[in-house]
Amino acid sequence: MARNSNHCDAGLDQRCRDNDGEIRQKRGDTLIKTLRKTYGSDFAPGVRGDTRLDTLREREGGESLSKLVKGSHRHGGSR
């Protein structure tokens, strides 16, 4: 059975997988306030909503979005 070309094999956090099977990366210019709609209002506490994801990742030492979501680090701390 042929797969619909618009079909998306959902991966982590309902993100689509690329053709090679890797989970597509979230865009760095995504705002924290947008991510809070998906991951909850307690995502990245102490970080302004107009902060970009790439800025937060840089502050956190390059942590992936999935690690940030899991809360392995407290966001908005003394950095």
C-alpha atoms as a PDB file:
ATOM      1  CA  MET A   1       0.000   0.000   0.000  1.00  0.00           C
ATOM      2  CA  ALA A   2       1.482   3.373  -1.003  1.00  0.00           C
ATOM      3  CA  ARG A   3       1.869   5.952   1.679  1.00  0.00           C
ATOM      4  CA  ASN A   4       0.355   9.388   1.150  1.00  0.00           C
ATOM      5  CA  SER A   5       3.194  11.870   0.524  1.00  0.00           C
ATOM      6  CA  ASN A   6       1.530  14.294   2.951  1.00  0.00           C
ATOM      7  CA  HIS A   7       1.571  11.706   5.717  1.00  0.00           C
ATOM      8  CA  CYS A   8       3.813  12.506   8.657  1.00  0.00           C
ATOM      9  CA  ASP A   9       5.312   9.820  10.886  1.00  0.00           C
ATOM     10  CA  ALA A  10       5.001  11.652  14.178  1.00  0.00           C
ATOM     11  CA  GLY A  11       7.997  11.457  16.425  1.00  0.00           C
ATOM     12  CA  LEU A  12       8.924  13.065  19.705  1.00  0.00           C
ATOM     13  CA  ASP A  13       6.465  15.755  20.813  1.00  0.00           C
ATOM     14  CA  GLN A  14       4.357  15.083  17.679  1.00  0.00           C
ATOM     15  CA  ARG A  15       7.084  16.538  15.415  1.00  0.00           C
ATOM     16  CA  CYS A  16       7.509  14.954  11.995  1.00  0.00           C
ATOM     17  CA  ARG A  17      10.462  12.847  10.972  1.00  0.00           C
ATOM     18  CA  ASP A  18      12.707  13.804   8.054  1.00  0.00           C
ATOM     19  CA  ASN A  19      13.190  11.390   5.163  1.00  0.00           C
ATOM     20  CA  ASP A  20      16.193   9.807   6.905  1.00  0.00           C
ATOM     21  CA  GLY A  21      14.099   9.082  10.003  1.00  0.00           C
ATOM     22  CA  GLU A  22      15.493  11.851  12.211  1.00  0.00           C
ATOM     23  CA  ILE A  23      13.044  14.028  14.093  1.00  0.00           C
ATOM     24  CA  ARG A  24      12.799  17.441  12.512  1.00  0.00           C
ATOM     25  CA  GLN A  25      14.354  20.191  14.603  1.00  0.00           C
ATOM     26  CA  LYS A  26      12.175  22.954  15.987  1.00  0.00           C
ATOM     27  CA  ARG A  27      13.008  26.288  14.382  1.00  0.00           C
ATOM     28  CA  GLY A  28      15.280  28.508  16.431  1.00  0.00           C
ATOM     29  CA  ASP A  29      13.158  31.574  15.796  1.00  0.00           C
ATOM     30  CA  THR A  30      10.174  30.007  17.568  1.00  0.00           C
ATOM     31  CA  LEU A  31       9.128  32.180  20.501  1.00  0.00           C
ATOM     32  CA  ILE A  32       8.919  30.800  24.041  1.00  0.00           C
ATOM     33  CA  LYS A  33       5.300  32.026  24.300  1.00  0.00           C
ATOM     34  CA  THR A  34       4.454  29.810  21.323  1.00  0.00           C
ATOM     35  CA  LEU A  35       6.133  26.806  22.922  1.00  0.00           C
ATOM     36  CA  ARG A  36       4.192  27.423  26.132  1.00  0.00           C
ATOM     37  CA  LYS A  37       0.973  26.829  24.182  1.00  0.00           C
ATOM     38  CA  THR A  38       2.246  23.314  23.442  1.00  0.00           C
ATOM     39  CA  TYR A  39       4.268  22.448  26.549  1.00  0.00           C
ATOM     40  CA  GLY A  40       2.376  24.385  29.220  1.00  0.00           C
ATOM     41  CA  SER A  41       2.668  27.723  30.955  1.00  0.00           C
ATOM     42  CA  ASP A  42       5.402  26.400  33.245  1.00  0.00           C
ATOM     43  CA  PHE A  43       7.811  25.833  30.318  1.00  0.00           C
ATOM     44  CA  ALA A  44      10.961  27.969  30.773  1.00  0.00           C
ATOM     45  CA  PRO A  45       9.907  29.792  33.950  1.00  0.00           C
ATOM     46  CA  GLY A  46      11.521  33.180  34.366  1.00  0.00           C
ATOM     47  CA  VAL A  47      12.123  33.540  30.627  1.00  0.00           C
ATOM     48  CA  ARG A  48      10.226  36.216  28.712  1.00  0.00           C
ATOM     49  CA  GLY A  49       7.694  35.006  26.163  1.00  0.00           C
ATOM     50  CA  ASP A  50       9.300  37.034  23.374  1.00  0.00           C
ATOM     51  CA  THR A  51      12.612  35.187  23.814  1.00  0.00           C
ATOM     52  CA  ARG A  52      13.568  32.968  20.874  1.00  0.00           C
ATOM     53  CA  LEU A  53      14.184  29.239  21.298  1.00  0.00           C
ATOM     54  CA  ASP A  54      17.728  29.531  19.927  1.00  0.00           C
ATOM     55  CA  THR A  55      18.500  32.177  22.574  1.00  0.00           C
ATOM     56  CA  LEU A  56      17.207  29.920  25.350  1.00  0.00           C
ATOM     57  CA  ARG A  57      19.145  26.951  24.003  1.00  0.00           C
ATOM     58  CA  GLU A  58      22.316  29.061  23.918  1.00  0.00           C
ATOM     59  CA  ARG A  59      21.773  30.148  27.542  1.00  0.00           C
ATOM     60  CA  GLU A  60      21.296  26.519  28.530  1.00  0.00           C
ATOM     61  CA  GLY A  61      24.467  25.325  26.817  1.00  0.00           C
ATOM     62  CA  GLY A  62      22.873  24.032  23.629  1.00  0.00           C
ATOM     63  CA  GLU A  63      20.313  21.781  25.288  1.00  0.00           C
ATOM     64  CA  SER A  64      17.788  20.189  22.966  1.00  0.00           C
ATOM     65  CA  LEU A  65      14.134  21.154  23.132  1.00  0.00           C
ATOM     66  CA  SER A  66      13.244  17.727  24.506  1.00  0.00           C
ATOM     67  CA  LYS A  67      15.711  18.180  27.383  1.00  0.00           C
ATOM     68  CA  LEU A  68      14.361  21.650  28.075  1.00  0.00           C
ATOM     69  CA  VAL A  69      10.819  20.260  28.134  1.00  0.00           C
ATOM     70  CA  LYS A  70      11.798  17.470  30.509  1.00  0.00           C
ATOM     71  CA  GLY A  71      13.027  20.155  32.881  1.00  0.00           C
ATOM     72  CA  SER A  72      16.512  18.772  33.348  1.00  0.00           C
ATOM     73  CA  HIS A  73      17.630  22.382  33.942  1.00  0.00           C
ATOM     74  CA  ARG A  74      15.879  25.237  35.662  1.00  0.00           C
ATOM     75  CA  HIS A  75      15.373  27.951  33.066  1.00  0.00           C
ATOM     76  CA  GLY A  76      15.750  31.607  33.794  1.00  0.00           C
ATOM     77  CA  GLY A  77      18.213  31.021  36.607  1.00  0.00           C
ATOM     78  CA  SER A  78      21.328  33.007  37.320  1.00  0.00           C
ATOM     79  CA  ARG A  79      22.805  33.095  33.835  1.00  0.00           C
END
